[in-house]
Amino acid sequence: MSTHMLERVLALAIVNAVSQYIIREELDKLKCLRGADEEVHQLISILEKARVKRVAVIGNMAPLVKRLREKGFEVMVFERSRERRTDEVYSDCLEPRLLPRAEAVIITGATLINETLDTVLLHACSSKINILIGPTAQIHPTLLKDVGVDYVASCHSKNPEETVKLLKLSGWRKALHKESMWYLMRVNETLDKASGNSAQVM
């Protein structure tokens, strides 16, 4: 709840770190560890089963956007950073006008830091599926109860020490792809199983 961004980052880092200890146990039990490509494949499969056509992506995740468009989805991309905006990427100030048109929303985990997740979900009033995605979205799904998020797609570090070392050397791509396992967890099923059994991984 802090208004100091550094304090917010530190708080979320702690929440994510604790969450990942629990998530690791659940993933190990299920033996359903997947790579980034398979995670995206599962995500697209979920959208296709829901017969979604128009997808909003909050945060310019270019590789994901490309895959979605290749699959025939109509994609609206919103980005806050001017450096990451192009002619095909809207400023996030247009979200209140355009998000009501979206049938599904894929949301960067950075919205947990900049206090915009609630705002995005508020304007995405026609969305059937809301997916929180990215390395910042390592929060355990049970903490998203009643928030409005249906799935969490993130990564789990196989070797935290090596990941930290690579991050210190600015090797964030290697840290995420070489040292991480990607997963997609459904929030509601996780909540249903929280009393005893492990979470479901899609």
C-alpha atoms as a PDB file:
ATOM      1  CA  MET A   1       0.000   0.000   0.000  1.00  0.00           C
ATOM      2  CA  SER A   2       3.040   2.272   0.101  1.00  0.00           C
ATOM      3  CA  THR A   3       3.248   5.219  -2.291  1.00  0.00           C
ATOM      4  CA  HIS A   4       7.062   4.910  -2.399  1.00  0.00           C
ATOM      5  CA  MET A   5       7.962   2.869  -5.481  1.00  0.00           C
ATOM      6  CA  LEU A   6      11.098   1.324  -3.985  1.00  0.00           C
ATOM      7  CA  GLU A   7       9.096   0.130  -0.985  1.00  0.00           C
ATOM      8  CA  ARG A   8       6.478  -1.327  -3.324  1.00  0.00           C
ATOM      9  CA  VAL A   9       9.123  -3.190  -5.325  1.00  0.00           C
ATOM     10  CA  LEU A  10      10.697  -4.582  -2.162  1.00  0.00           C
ATOM     11  CA  ALA A  11       7.324  -5.672  -0.775  1.00  0.00           C
ATOM     12  CA  LEU A  12       6.350  -7.488  -3.971  1.00  0.00           C
ATOM     13  CA  ALA A  13       9.781  -9.129  -4.166  1.00  0.00           C
ATOM     14  CA  ILE A  14       9.249 -10.561  -0.681  1.00  0.00           C
ATOM     15  CA  VAL A  15       5.724 -11.756  -1.522  1.00  0.00           C
ATOM     16  CA  ASN A  16       6.972 -13.373  -4.732  1.00  0.00           C
ATOM     17  CA  ALA A  17       9.919 -15.036  -3.007  1.00  0.00           C
ATOM     18  CA  VAL A  18       7.694 -16.662  -0.368  1.00  0.00           C
ATOM     19  CA  SER A  19       5.148 -17.596  -3.036  1.00  0.00           C
ATOM     20  CA  GLN A  20       7.783 -19.352  -5.112  1.00  0.00           C
ATOM     21  CA  TYR A  21       8.743 -21.706  -2.260  1.00  0.00           C
ATOM     22  CA  ILE A  22       5.127 -22.879  -2.134  1.00  0.00           C
ATOM     23  CA  ILE A  23       4.716 -22.986  -5.910  1.00  0.00           C
ATOM     24  CA  ARG A  24       7.861 -25.107  -6.270  1.00  0.00           C
ATOM     25  CA  GLU A  25       6.351 -27.800  -4.042  1.00  0.00           C
ATOM     26  CA  GLU A  26       3.146 -27.771  -6.087  1.00  0.00           C
ATOM     27  CA  LEU A  27       4.962 -27.951  -9.416  1.00  0.00           C
ATOM     28  CA  ASP A  28       7.187 -30.788  -8.189  1.00  0.00           C
ATOM     29  CA  LYS A  29       4.168 -32.827  -7.081  1.00  0.00           C
ATOM     30  CA  LEU A  30       2.419 -32.354 -10.395  1.00  0.00           C
ATOM     31  CA  LYS A  31       5.563 -32.770 -12.522  1.00  0.00           C
ATOM     32  CA  CYS A  32       4.092 -30.277 -14.970  1.00  0.00           C
ATOM     33  CA  LEU A  33       7.030 -27.951 -15.506  1.00  0.00           C
ATOM     34  CA  ARG A  34       6.978 -26.251 -18.894  1.00  0.00           C
ATOM     35  CA  GLY A  35       9.083 -23.936 -20.983  1.00  0.00           C
ATOM     36  CA  ALA A  36       8.076 -20.468 -22.173  1.00  0.00           C
ATOM     37  CA  ASP A  37       6.961 -21.724 -25.605  1.00  0.00           C
ATOM     38  CA  GLU A  38       4.652 -24.335 -24.115  1.00  0.00           C
ATOM     39  CA  GLU A  39       3.307 -21.785 -21.666  1.00  0.00           C
ATOM     40  CA  VAL A  40       2.333 -19.495 -24.555  1.00  0.00           C
ATOM     41  CA  HIS A  41       0.832 -22.483 -26.403  1.00  0.00           C
ATOM     42  CA  GLN A  42      -1.353 -23.278 -23.374  1.00  0.00           C
ATOM     43  CA  LEU A  43      -2.346 -19.641 -23.028  1.00  0.00           C
ATOM     44  CA  ILE A  44      -3.433 -19.476 -26.674  1.00  0.00           C
ATOM     45  CA  SER A  45      -5.316 -22.751 -26.257  1.00  0.00           C
ATOM     46  CA  ILE A  46      -7.298 -21.255 -23.365  1.00  0.00           C
ATOM     47  CA  LEU A  47      -8.252 -18.239 -25.478  1.00  0.00           C
ATOM     48  CA  GLU A  48      -9.268 -20.438 -28.405  1.00  0.00           C
ATOM     49  CA  LYS A  49     -11.450 -22.682 -26.231  1.00  0.00           C
ATOM     50  CA  ALA A  50     -13.221 -19.594 -24.912  1.00  0.00           C
ATOM     51  CA  ARG A  51     -13.782 -18.485 -28.530  1.00  0.00           C
ATOM     52  CA  VAL A  52     -12.109 -15.180 -27.843  1.00  0.00           C
ATOM     53  CA  LYS A  53     -11.317 -12.997 -30.842  1.00  0.00           C
ATOM     54  CA  ARG A  54     -10.283  -9.592 -29.474  1.00  0.00           C
ATOM     55  CA  VAL A  55      -7.434  -9.611 -26.943  1.00  0.00           C
ATOM     56  CA  ALA A  56      -5.944  -6.676 -25.053  1.00  0.00           C
ATOM     57  CA  VAL A  57      -2.319  -6.923 -23.942  1.00  0.00           C
ATOM     58  CA  ILE A  58      -1.242  -4.592 -21.151  1.00  0.00           C
ATOM     59  CA  GLY A  59       2.482  -4.027 -21.613  1.00  0.00           C
ATOM     60  CA  ASN A  60       4.197  -4.317 -24.983  1.00  0.00           C
ATOM     61  CA  MET A  61       5.222  -7.991 -24.897  1.00  0.00           C
ATOM     62  CA  ALA A  62       6.256  -8.152 -28.550  1.00  0.00           C
ATOM     63  CA  PRO A  63       6.931 -11.930 -28.909  1.00  0.00           C
ATOM     64  CA  LEU A  64       3.590 -12.798 -27.309  1.00  0.00           C
ATOM     65  CA  VAL A  65       1.740 -10.204 -29.389  1.00  0.00           C
ATOM     66  CA  LYS A  66       3.307 -11.622 -32.548  1.00  0.00           C
ATOM     67  CA  ARG A  67       2.184 -15.172 -31.672  1.00  0.00           C
ATOM     68  CA  LEU A  68      -1.345 -13.997 -30.933  1.00  0.00           C
ATOM     69  CA  ARG A  69      -1.626 -12.193 -34.252  1.00  0.00           C
ATOM     70  CA  GLU A  70      -0.235 -15.201 -36.107  1.00  0.00           C
ATOM     71  CA  LYS A  71      -3.054 -17.226 -34.576  1.00  0.00           C
ATOM     72  CA  GLY A  72      -5.618 -14.791 -35.939  1.00  0.00           C
ATOM     73  CA  PHE A  73      -6.479 -12.822 -32.799  1.00  0.00           C
ATOM     74  CA  GLU A  74      -7.279  -9.133 -33.039  1.00  0.00           C
ATOM     75  CA  VAL A  75      -4.805  -7.623 -30.568  1.00  0.00           C
ATOM     76  CA  MET A  76      -4.819  -4.227 -28.864  1.00  0.00           C
ATOM     77  CA  VAL A  77      -1.539  -3.427 -27.104  1.00  0.00           C
ATOM     78  CA  PHE A  78      -1.164  -0.765 -24.408  1.00  0.00           C
ATOM     79  CA  GLU A  79       2.132   0.561 -23.095  1.00  0.00           C
ATOM     80  CA  ARG A  80       3.041   3.262 -20.578  1.00  0.00           C
ATOM     81  CA  SER A  81       6.679   3.750 -21.610  1.00  0.00           C
ATOM     82  CA  ARG A  82       7.127   6.086 -24.593  1.00  0.00           C
ATOM     83  CA  GLU A  83      10.261   4.188 -25.619  1.00  0.00           C
ATOM     84  CA  ARG A  84       8.261   0.971 -26.065  1.00  0.00           C
ATOM     85  CA  ARG A  85       5.364   2.497 -28.001  1.00  0.00           C
ATOM     86  CA  THR A  86       5.014   2.246 -31.785  1.00  0.00           C
ATOM     87  CA  ASP A  87       2.280   3.064 -34.291  1.00  0.00           C
ATOM     88  CA  GLU A  88       0.624  -0.272 -33.386  1.00  0.00           C
ATOM     89  CA  VAL A  89       0.886   0.244 -29.618  1.00  0.00           C
ATOM     90  CA  TYR A  90      -1.524   2.506 -27.746  1.00  0.00           C
ATOM     91  CA  SER A  91      -0.679   4.706 -24.811  1.00  0.00           C
ATOM     92  CA  ASP A  92      -2.154   3.347 -21.589  1.00  0.00           C
ATOM     93  CA  CYS A  93      -4.171   6.566 -21.268  1.00  0.00           C
ATOM     94  CA  LEU A  94      -6.519   5.088 -23.906  1.00  0.00           C
ATOM     95  CA  GLU A  95      -7.349   2.035 -21.802  1.00  0.00           C
ATOM     96  CA  PRO A  96     -10.623   3.464 -20.404  1.00  0.00           C
ATOM     97  CA  ARG A  97     -11.923   3.979 -23.948  1.00  0.00           C
ATOM     98  CA  LEU A  98     -10.674   0.783 -25.617  1.00  0.00           C
ATOM     99  CA  LEU A  99     -10.489  -1.916 -22.937  1.00  0.00           C
ATOM    100  CA  PRO A 100     -14.289  -2.403 -22.774  1.00  0.00           C
ATOM    101  CA  ARG A 101     -14.003  -3.878 -26.293  1.00  0.00           C
ATOM    102  CA  ALA A 102     -11.628  -6.653 -25.175  1.00  0.00           C
ATOM    103  CA  GLU A 103     -12.903 -10.216 -24.790  1.00  0.00           C
ATOM    104  CA  ALA A 104      -9.733 -11.242 -22.933  1.00  0.00           C
ATOM    105  CA  VAL A 105      -6.923  -9.333 -21.259  1.00  0.00           C
ATOM    106  CA  ILE A 106      -3.311 -10.384 -20.785  1.00  0.00           C
ATOM    107  CA  ILE A 107      -1.775  -8.155 -18.124  1.00  0.00           C
ATOM    108  CA  THR A 108       1.865  -7.581 -17.253  1.00  0.00           C
ATOM    109  CA  GLY A 109       2.801  -8.306 -13.647  1.00  0.00           C
ATOM    110  CA  ALA A 110       4.237  -4.775 -13.517  1.00  0.00           C
ATOM    111  CA  THR A 111       0.684  -3.612 -12.805  1.00  0.00           C
ATOM    112  CA  LEU A 112       1.191  -4.986  -9.285  1.00  0.00           C
ATOM    113  CA  ILE A 113       3.980  -2.445  -8.839  1.00  0.00           C
ATOM    114  CA  ASN A 114       2.443   0.623 -10.442  1.00  0.00           C
ATOM    115  CA  GLU A 115      -1.024   0.190  -8.878  1.00  0.00           C
ATOM    116  CA  THR A 116      -2.864  -0.187 -12.195  1.00  0.00           C
ATOM    117  CA  LEU A 117      -4.154  -3.787 -12.016  1.00  0.00           C
ATOM    118  CA  ASP A 118      -7.476  -2.779 -10.455  1.00  0.00           C
ATOM    119  CA  THR A 119      -7.922  -0.013 -13.012  1.00  0.00           C
ATOM    120  CA  VAL A 120      -7.269  -2.357 -15.933  1.00  0.00           C
ATOM    121  CA  LEU A 121      -9.754  -4.915 -14.618  1.00  0.00           C
ATOM    122  CA  LEU A 122     -12.340  -2.200 -13.988  1.00  0.00           C
ATOM    123  CA  HIS A 123     -12.272  -1.035 -17.605  1.00  0.00           C
ATOM    124  CA  ALA A 124     -12.049  -4.562 -19.041  1.00  0.00           C
ATOM    125  CA  CYS A 125     -15.729  -5.029 -18.238  1.00  0.00           C
ATOM    126  CA  SER A 126     -16.437  -7.324 -21.217  1.00  0.00           C
ATOM    127  CA  SER A 127     -13.438  -9.603 -20.707  1.00  0.00           C
ATOM    128  CA  LYS A 128     -14.120 -13.333 -20.292  1.00  0.00           C
ATOM    129  CA  ILE A 129     -10.552 -14.220 -19.282  1.00  0.00           C
ATOM    130  CA  ASN A 130      -7.947 -12.173 -17.398  1.00  0.00           C
ATOM    131  CA  ILE A 131      -4.373 -13.461 -17.289  1.00  0.00           C
ATOM    132  CA  LEU A 132      -1.596 -11.952 -15.172  1.00  0.00           C
ATOM    133  CA  ILE A 133       1.725 -12.722 -16.832  1.00  0.00           C
ATOM    134  CA  GLY A 134       5.480 -12.241 -16.624  1.00  0.00           C
ATOM    135  CA  PRO A 135       8.377 -12.604 -14.168  1.00  0.00           C
ATOM    136  CA  THR A 136       6.876  -9.963 -11.861  1.00  0.00           C
ATOM    137  CA  ALA A 137       3.706 -12.067 -11.562  1.00  0.00           C
ATOM    138  CA  GLN A 138       5.285 -14.753  -9.365  1.00  0.00           C
ATOM    139  CA  ILE A 139       2.693 -14.126  -6.668  1.00  0.00           C
ATOM    140  CA  HIS A 140       0.864 -17.232  -5.455  1.00  0.00           C
ATOM    141  CA  PRO A 141      -2.616 -17.460  -7.057  1.00  0.00           C
ATOM    142  CA  THR A 142      -4.346 -17.782  -3.667  1.00  0.00           C
ATOM    143  CA  LEU A 143      -3.383 -14.142  -2.990  1.00  0.00           C
ATOM    144  CA  LEU A 144      -5.444 -13.072  -6.002  1.00  0.00           C
ATOM    145  CA  LYS A 145      -8.760 -14.251  -4.565  1.00  0.00           C
ATOM    146  CA  ASP A 146     -11.663 -12.043  -5.669  1.00  0.00           C
ATOM    147  CA  VAL A 147      -9.326  -9.722  -7.581  1.00  0.00           C
ATOM    148  CA  GLY A 148     -10.657 -10.687 -11.010  1.00  0.00           C
ATOM    149  CA  VAL A 149      -7.635 -12.571 -12.356  1.00  0.00           C
ATOM    150  CA  ASP A 150      -8.335 -16.050 -13.770  1.00  0.00           C
ATOM    151  CA  TYR A 151      -4.809 -17.306 -14.535  1.00  0.00           C
ATOM    152  CA  VAL A 152      -1.250 -16.539 -13.494  1.00  0.00           C
ATOM    153  CA  ALA A 153       1.545 -17.229 -15.985  1.00  0.00           C
ATOM    154  CA  SER A 154       5.063 -16.756 -14.704  1.00  0.00           C
ATOM    155  CA  CYS A 155       8.443 -18.416 -14.224  1.00  0.00           C
ATOM    156  CA  HIS A 156      10.096 -20.334 -11.420  1.00  0.00           C
ATOM    157  CA  SER A 157      13.856 -20.209 -10.925  1.00  0.00           C
ATOM    158  CA  LYS A 158      15.488 -23.654 -10.924  1.00  0.00           C
ATOM    159  CA  ASN A 159      18.686 -22.189  -9.490  1.00  0.00           C
ATOM    160  CA  PRO A 160      18.087 -18.976  -7.476  1.00  0.00           C
ATOM    161  CA  GLU A 161      21.782 -18.374  -6.803  1.00  0.00           C
ATOM    162  CA  GLU A 162      22.693 -18.558 -10.487  1.00  0.00           C
ATOM    163  CA  THR A 163      19.669 -16.437 -11.410  1.00  0.00           C
ATOM    164  CA  VAL A 164      20.753 -13.692  -8.991  1.00  0.00           C
ATOM    165  CA  LYS A 165      24.291 -13.827 -10.371  1.00  0.00           C
ATOM    166  CA  LEU A 166      23.054 -13.416 -13.958  1.00  0.00           C
ATOM    167  CA  LEU A 167      20.743 -10.561 -12.976  1.00  0.00           C
ATOM    168  CA  LYS A 168      23.628  -8.722 -11.301  1.00  0.00           C
ATOM    169  CA  LEU A 169      25.539  -9.039 -14.573  1.00  0.00           C
ATOM    170  CA  SER A 170      22.527  -7.630 -16.483  1.00  0.00           C
ATOM    171  CA  GLY A 171      21.917 -11.028 -18.073  1.00  0.00           C
ATOM    172  CA  TRP A 172      18.180 -10.974 -17.414  1.00  0.00           C
ATOM    173  CA  ARG A 173      17.256 -12.918 -20.569  1.00  0.00           C
ATOM    174  CA  LYS A 174      19.609 -15.763 -19.657  1.00  0.00           C
ATOM    175  CA  ALA A 175      18.390 -15.625 -16.068  1.00  0.00           C
ATOM    176  CA  LEU A 176      14.770 -15.993 -17.150  1.00  0.00           C
ATOM    177  CA  HIS A 177      15.126 -18.484 -19.978  1.00  0.00           C
ATOM    178  CA  LYS A 178      18.141 -20.581 -19.036  1.00  0.00           C
ATOM    179  CA  GLU A 179      17.519 -20.823 -15.316  1.00  0.00           C
ATOM    180  CA  SER A 180      13.715 -20.776 -15.195  1.00  0.00           C
ATOM    181  CA  MET A 181      10.733 -23.072 -15.623  1.00  0.00           C
ATOM    182  CA  TRP A 182       7.546 -21.467 -16.911  1.00  0.00           C
ATOM    183  CA  TYR A 183       4.067 -22.348 -15.706  1.00  0.00           C
ATOM    184  CA  LEU A 184       0.415 -21.386 -16.074  1.00  0.00           C
ATOM    185  CA  MET A 185      -1.816 -21.736 -13.010  1.00  0.00           C
ATOM    186  CA  ARG A 186      -5.562 -21.287 -12.797  1.00  0.00           C
ATOM    187  CA  VAL A 187      -6.558 -19.113  -9.844  1.00  0.00           C
ATOM    188  CA  ASN A 188      -9.944 -20.675  -9.052  1.00  0.00           C
ATOM    189  CA  GLU A 189      -8.669 -24.261  -9.125  1.00  0.00           C
ATOM    190  CA  THR A 190      -5.743 -23.271  -6.951  1.00  0.00           C
ATOM    191  CA  LEU A 191      -8.174 -21.784  -4.432  1.00  0.00           C
ATOM    192  CA  ASP A 192     -10.326 -24.911  -4.517  1.00  0.00           C
ATOM    193  CA  LYS A 193      -7.319 -27.094  -3.710  1.00  0.00           C
ATOM    194  CA  ALA A 194      -5.705 -24.785  -1.145  1.00  0.00           C
ATOM    195  CA  SER A 195      -7.110 -26.714   1.809  1.00  0.00           C
ATOM    196  CA  GLY A 196      -5.039 -29.792   1.118  1.00  0.00           C
ATOM    197  CA  ASN A 197      -4.118 -30.727  -2.410  1.00  0.00           C
ATOM    198  CA  SER A 198      -1.720 -29.063  -4.795  1.00  0.00           C
ATOM    199  CA  ALA A 199      -2.710 -26.432  -7.332  1.00  0.00           C
ATOM    200  CA  GLN A 200      -3.684 -27.335 -10.858  1.00  0.00           C
ATOM    201  CA  VAL A 201      -1.248 -26.358 -13.571  1.00  0.00           C
ATOM    202  CA  MET A 202      -2.733 -25.895 -17.014  1.00  0.00           C
END
